[in-house]
PDB file of N, CA and C in Angstrom:
ATOM      1  N   MET A   1     288.762 279.339 106.784  1.00  0.00           N
ATOM      2  CA  MET A   1     288.035 280.473 106.239  1.00  0.00           C
ATOM      3  C   MET A   1     286.730 280.677 107.013  1.00  0.00           C
ATOM      4  N   THR A   2     286.434 281.917 107.280  1.00  0.00           N
ATOM      5  CA  THR A   2     285.169 282.228 107.935  1.00  0.00           C
ATOM      6  C   THR A   2     284.065 282.317 106.893  1.00  0.00           C
ATOM      7  N   GLN A   3     282.830 282.264 107.357  1.00  0.00           N
ATOM      8  CA  GLN A   3     281.692 282.388 106.442  1.00  0.00           C
ATOM      9  C   GLN A   3     281.734 283.741 105.736  1.00  0.00           C
ATOM     10  N   GLU A   4     282.146 284.756 106.440  1.00  0.00           N
ATOM     11  CA  GLU A   4     282.241 286.097 105.846  1.00  0.00           C
ATOM     12  C   GLU A   4     283.245 286.114 104.687  1.00  0.00           C
ATOM     13  N   GLU A   5     284.365 285.441 104.859  1.00  0.00           N
ATOM     14  CA  GLU A   5     285.374 285.374 103.786  1.00  0.00           C
ATOM     15  C   GLU A   5     284.847 284.580 102.590  1.00  0.00           C
ATOM     16  N   ILE A   6     284.139 283.500 102.869  1.00  0.00           N
ATOM     17  CA  ILE A   6     283.552 282.696 101.793  1.00  0.00           C
ATOM     18  C   ILE A   6     282.535 283.526 101.027  1.00  0.00           C
ATOM     19  N   ASP A   7     281.669 284.232 101.752  1.00  0.00           N
ATOM     20  CA  ASP A   7     280.666 285.084 101.105  1.00  0.00           C
ATOM     21  C   ASP A   7     281.318 286.148 100.232  1.00  0.00           C
ATOM     22  N   GLN A   8     282.388 286.750 100.727  1.00  0.00           N
ATOM     23  CA  GLN A   8     283.082 287.790  99.963  1.00  0.00           C
ATOM     24  C   GLN A   8     283.718 287.202  98.710  1.00  0.00           C
ATOM     25  N   ASP A   9     284.310 286.016  98.820  1.00  0.00           N
ATOM     26  CA  ASP A   9     284.901 285.353  97.647  1.00  0.00           C
ATOM     27  C   ASP A   9     283.833 285.054  96.597  1.00  0.00           C
ATOM     28  N   GLU A  10     282.662 284.576  97.048  1.00  0.00           N
ATOM     29  CA  GLU A  10     281.577 284.283  96.112  1.00  0.00           C
ATOM     30  C   GLU A  10     281.102 285.561  95.429  1.00  0.00           C
ATOM     31  N   GLU A  11     280.991 286.624  96.197  1.00  0.00           N
ATOM     32  CA  GLU A  11     280.560 287.904  95.630  1.00  0.00           C
ATOM     33  C   GLU A  11     281.576 288.401  94.605  1.00  0.00           C
ATOM     34  N   ASP A  12     282.851 288.294  94.935  1.00  0.00           N
ATOM     35  CA  ASP A  12     283.900 288.723  94.006  1.00  0.00           C
ATOM     36  C   ASP A  12     283.840 287.918  92.707  1.00  0.00           C
ATOM     37  N   LEU A  13     283.585 286.613  92.818  1.00  0.00           N
ATOM     38  CA  LEU A  13     283.478 285.764  91.633  1.00  0.00           C
ATOM     39  C   LEU A  13     282.289 286.171  90.775  1.00  0.00           C
ATOM     40  N   LEU A  14     281.136 286.379  91.404  1.00  0.00           N
ATOM     41  CA  LEU A  14     279.935 286.763  90.665  1.00  0.00           C
ATOM     42  C   LEU A  14     280.131 288.062  89.914  1.00  0.00           C
ATOM     43  N   GLU A  15     280.814 289.004  90.529  1.00  0.00           N
ATOM     44  CA  GLU A  15     280.996 290.319  89.916  1.00  0.00           C
ATOM     45  C   GLU A  15     281.869 290.274  88.664  1.00  0.00           C
ATOM     46  N   GLN A  16     282.493 289.143  88.398  1.00  0.00           N
ATOM     47  CA  GLN A  16     283.316 289.010  87.199  1.00  0.00           C
ATOM     48  C   GLN A  16     282.469 288.711  85.955  1.00  0.00           C
ATOM     49  N   TYR A  17     281.237 288.260  86.148  1.00  0.00           N
ATOM     50  CA  TYR A  17     280.373 287.923  85.020  1.00  0.00           C
ATOM     51  C   TYR A  17     279.795 289.194  84.389  1.00  0.00           C
ATOM     52  N   PRO A  18     279.845 289.311  83.064  1.00  0.00           N
ATOM     53  CA  PRO A  18     279.336 290.511  82.387  1.00  0.00           C
ATOM     54  C   PRO A  18     277.873 290.815  82.714  1.00  0.00           C
ATOM     55  N   THR A  19     277.036 289.783  82.823  1.00  0.00           N
ATOM     56  CA  THR A  19     275.619 290.001  83.129  1.00  0.00           C
ATOM     57  C   THR A  19     275.458 290.634  84.509  1.00  0.00           C
ATOM     58  N   VAL A  20     276.207 290.130  85.464  1.00  0.00           N
ATOM     59  CA  VAL A  20     276.135 290.664  86.827  1.00  0.00           C
ATOM     60  C   VAL A  20     276.664 292.093  86.846  1.00  0.00           C
ATOM     61  N   GLN A  21     277.753 292.331  86.138  1.00  0.00           N
ATOM     62  CA  GLN A  21     278.314 293.691  86.067  1.00  0.00           C
ATOM     63  C   GLN A  21     277.287 294.653  85.485  1.00  0.00           C
ATOM     64  N   SER A  22     276.593 294.218  84.446  1.00  0.00           N
ATOM     65  CA  SER A  22     275.578 295.045  83.806  1.00  0.00           C
ATOM     66  C   SER A  22     274.430 295.351  84.760  1.00  0.00           C
ATOM     67  N   GLU A  23     273.973 294.337  85.501  1.00  0.00           N
ATOM     68  CA  GLU A  23     272.882 294.535  86.448  1.00  0.00           C
ATOM     69  C   GLU A  23     273.289 295.469  87.584  1.00  0.00           C
ATOM     70  N   ILE A  24     274.519 295.345  88.045  1.00  0.00           N
ATOM     71  CA  ILE A  24     275.019 296.229  89.101  1.00  0.00           C
ATOM     72  C   ILE A  24     275.067 297.667  88.589  1.00  0.00           C
ATOM     73  N   GLU A  25     275.571 297.850  87.383  1.00  0.00           N
ATOM     74  CA  GLU A  25     275.649 299.187  86.800  1.00  0.00           C
ATOM     75  C   GLU A  25     274.250 299.795  86.634  1.00  0.00           C
ATOM     76  N   GLU A  26     273.311 298.986  86.165  1.00  0.00           N
ATOM     77  CA  GLU A  26     271.937 299.464  85.991  1.00  0.00           C
ATOM     78  C   GLU A  26     271.330 299.877  87.336  1.00  0.00           C
ATOM     79  N   ALA A  27     271.544 299.060  88.353  1.00  0.00           N
ATOM     80  CA  ALA A  27     271.011 299.378  89.687  1.00  0.00           C
ATOM     81  C   ALA A  27     271.640 300.652  90.235  1.00  0.00           C
ATOM     82  N   ARG A  28     272.932 300.809  90.033  1.00  0.00           N
ATOM     83  CA  ARG A  28     273.607 302.040  90.496  1.00  0.00           C
ATOM     84  C   ARG A  28     273.065 303.274  89.779  1.00  0.00           C
ATOM     85  N   ASN A  29     272.835 303.155  88.482  1.00  0.00           N
ATOM     86  CA  ASN A  29     272.277 304.274  87.718  1.00  0.00           C
ATOM     87  C   ASN A  29     270.882 304.628  88.209  1.00  0.00           C
ATOM     88  N   GLU A  30     270.055 303.621  88.454  1.00  0.00           N
ATOM     89  CA  GLU A  30     268.710 303.875  88.958  1.00  0.00           C
ATOM     90  C   GLU A  30     268.769 304.548  90.326  1.00  0.00           C
ATOM     91  N   TYR A  31     269.680 304.101  91.156  1.00  0.00           N
ATOM     92  CA  TYR A  31     269.831 304.704  92.483  1.00  0.00           C
ATOM     93  C   TYR A  31     270.285 306.153  92.365  1.00  0.00           C
ATOM     94  N   ASP A  32     271.278 306.393  91.514  1.00  0.00           N
ATOM     95  CA  ASP A  32     271.813 307.749  91.349  1.00  0.00           C
ATOM     96  C   ASP A  32     270.767 308.729  90.827  1.00  0.00           C
ATOM     97  N   THR A  33     269.878 308.237  89.951  1.00  0.00           N
ATOM     98  CA  THR A  33     268.854 309.111  89.375  1.00  0.00           C
ATOM     99  C   THR A  33     267.531 309.026  90.146  1.00  0.00           C
ATOM    100  N   GLU A  34     267.564 308.315  91.257  1.00  0.00           N
ATOM    101  CA  GLU A  34     266.377 308.105  92.101  1.00  0.00           C
ATOM    102  C   GLU A  34     265.219 307.508  91.304  1.00  0.00           C
ATOM    103  N   ASP A  35     265.546 306.631  90.368  1.00  0.00           N
ATOM    104  CA  ASP A  35     264.565 305.963  89.516  1.00  0.00           C
ATOM    105  C   ASP A  35     264.283 304.561  90.069  1.00  0.00           C
ATOM    106  N   TYR A  36     263.710 304.520  91.257  1.00  0.00           N
ATOM    107  CA  TYR A  36     263.429 303.251  91.904  1.00  0.00           C
ATOM    108  C   TYR A  36     262.306 303.448  92.914  1.00  0.00           C
ATOM    109  N   LEU A  37     261.751 302.345  93.391  1.00  0.00           N
ATOM    110  CA  LEU A  37     260.753 302.368  94.442  1.00  0.00           C
ATOM    111  C   LEU A  37     261.369 301.790  95.705  1.00  0.00           C
ATOM    112  N   THR A  38     261.025 302.386  96.841  1.00  0.00           N
ATOM    113  CA  THR A  38     261.410 301.762  98.102  1.00  0.00           C
ATOM    114  C   THR A  38     260.476 300.583  98.329  1.00  0.00           C
ATOM    115  N   ILE A  39     260.813 299.708  99.229  1.00  0.00           N
ATOM    116  CA  ILE A  39     259.952 298.555  99.494  1.00  0.00           C
ATOM    117  C   ILE A  39     258.591 299.023 100.002  1.00  0.00           C
ATOM    118  N   GLU A  40     258.587 300.100 100.785  1.00  0.00           N
ATOM    119  CA  GLU A  40     257.328 300.633 101.289  1.00  0.00           C
ATOM    120  C   GLU A  40     256.454 301.146 100.136  1.00  0.00           C
ATOM    121  N   GLN A  41     257.053 301.838  99.177  1.00  0.00           N
ATOM    122  CA  GLN A  41     256.309 302.332  98.016  1.00  0.00           C
ATOM    123  C   GLN A  41     255.775 301.169  97.184  1.00  0.00           C
ATOM    124  N   TYR A  42     256.586 300.150  96.998  1.00  0.00           N
ATOM    125  CA  TYR A  42     256.185 298.975  96.228  1.00  0.00           C
ATOM    126  C   TYR A  42     254.984 298.288  96.875  1.00  0.00           C
ATOM    127  N   ILE A  43     255.039 298.099  98.190  1.00  0.00           N
ATOM    128  CA  ILE A  43     253.945 297.441  98.908  1.00  0.00           C
ATOM    129  C   ILE A  43     252.677 298.273  98.806  1.00  0.00           C
ATOM    130  N   ALA A  44     252.789 299.584  98.988  1.00  0.00           N
ATOM    131  CA  ALA A  44     251.625 300.459  98.897  1.00  0.00           C
ATOM    132  C   ALA A  44     251.011 300.391  97.503  1.00  0.00           C
ATOM    133  N   LYS A  45     251.846 300.401  96.489  1.00  0.00           N
ATOM    134  CA  LYS A  45     251.361 300.353  95.109  1.00  0.00           C
ATOM    135  C   LYS A  45     250.646 299.028  94.834  1.00  0.00           C
ATOM    136  N   ARG A  46     251.207 297.940  95.319  1.00  0.00           N
ATOM    137  CA  ARG A  46     250.589 296.623  95.130  1.00  0.00           C
ATOM    138  C   ARG A  46     249.247 296.548  95.852  1.00  0.00           C
ATOM    139  N   SER A  47     249.189 297.123  97.055  1.00  0.00           N
ATOM    140  CA  SER A  47     247.944 297.116  97.823  1.00  0.00           C
ATOM    141  C   SER A  47     246.862 297.910  97.106  1.00  0.00           C
ATOM    142  N   GLU A  48     247.231 299.079  96.586  1.00  0.00           N
ATOM    143  CA  GLU A  48     246.274 299.906  95.843  1.00  0.00           C
ATOM    144  C   GLU A  48     245.754 299.153  94.617  1.00  0.00           C
ATOM    145  N   LYS A  49     246.645 298.498  93.917  1.00  0.00           N
ATOM    146  CA  LYS A  49     246.266 297.751  92.717  1.00  0.00           C
ATOM    147  C   LYS A  49     245.320 296.600  93.080  1.00  0.00           C
ATOM    148  N   ALA A  50     245.605 295.909  94.175  1.00  0.00           N
ATOM    149  CA  ALA A  50     244.759 294.815  94.604  1.00  0.00           C
ATOM    150  C   ALA A  50     243.369 295.312  94.979  1.00  0.00           C
ATOM    151  N   GLU A  51     243.308 296.450  95.654  1.00  0.00           N
ATOM    152  CA  GLU A  51     242.013 297.031  96.025  1.00  0.00           C
ATOM    153  C   GLU A  51     241.199 297.387  94.786  1.00  0.00           C
ATOM    154  N   LEU A  52     241.849 297.959  93.791  1.00  0.00           N
ATOM    155  CA  LEU A  52     241.149 298.318  92.553  1.00  0.00           C
ATOM    156  C   LEU A  52     240.620 297.080  91.845  1.00  0.00           C
ATOM    157  N   ASN A  53     241.396 296.018  91.853  1.00  0.00           N
ATOM    158  CA  ASN A  53     240.965 294.770  91.208  1.00  0.00           C
ATOM    159  C   ASN A  53     239.758 294.167  91.926  1.00  0.00           C
ATOM    160  N   LEU A  54     239.687 294.315  93.247  1.00  0.00           N
ATOM    161  CA  LEU A  54     238.558 293.793  93.996  1.00  0.00           C
ATOM    162  C   LEU A  54     237.285 294.593  93.748  1.00  0.00           C
ATOM    163  N   LYS A  55     237.441 295.893  93.497  1.00  0.00           N
ATOM    164  CA  LYS A  55     236.292 296.780  93.313  1.00  0.00           C
ATOM    165  C   LYS A  55     235.743 296.736  91.888  1.00  0.00           C
ATOM    166  N   SER A  56     236.549 296.395  90.921  1.00  0.00           N
ATOM    167  CA  SER A  56     236.098 296.421  89.530  1.00  0.00           C
ATOM    168  C   SER A  56     235.238 295.199  89.223  1.00  0.00           C
ATOM    169  N   PRO A  57     234.151 295.427  88.464  1.00  0.00           N
ATOM    170  CA  PRO A  57     233.282 294.286  88.092  1.00  0.00           C
ATOM    171  C   PRO A  57     234.002 293.376  87.108  1.00  0.00           C
ATOM    172  N   ARG A  58     233.649 292.146  87.183  1.00  0.00           N
ATOM    173  CA  ARG A  58     234.300 291.153  86.296  1.00  0.00           C
ATOM    174  C   ARG A  58     233.355 290.663  85.266  1.00  0.00           C
TER     175      ARG A  58
END
């Protein structure tokens, strides 16, 4: 068996679990409705938040 075949078998096994199926469905719904952040948006948002925390008095 190649590593690719092993990886595919593991993925197929994981997808049988109800929790994993639910998470996959949720992610697909978020993608379909564009209800997600890209990694670039996430990083920008985190940077903005960090800057605000540095500027606010404690």
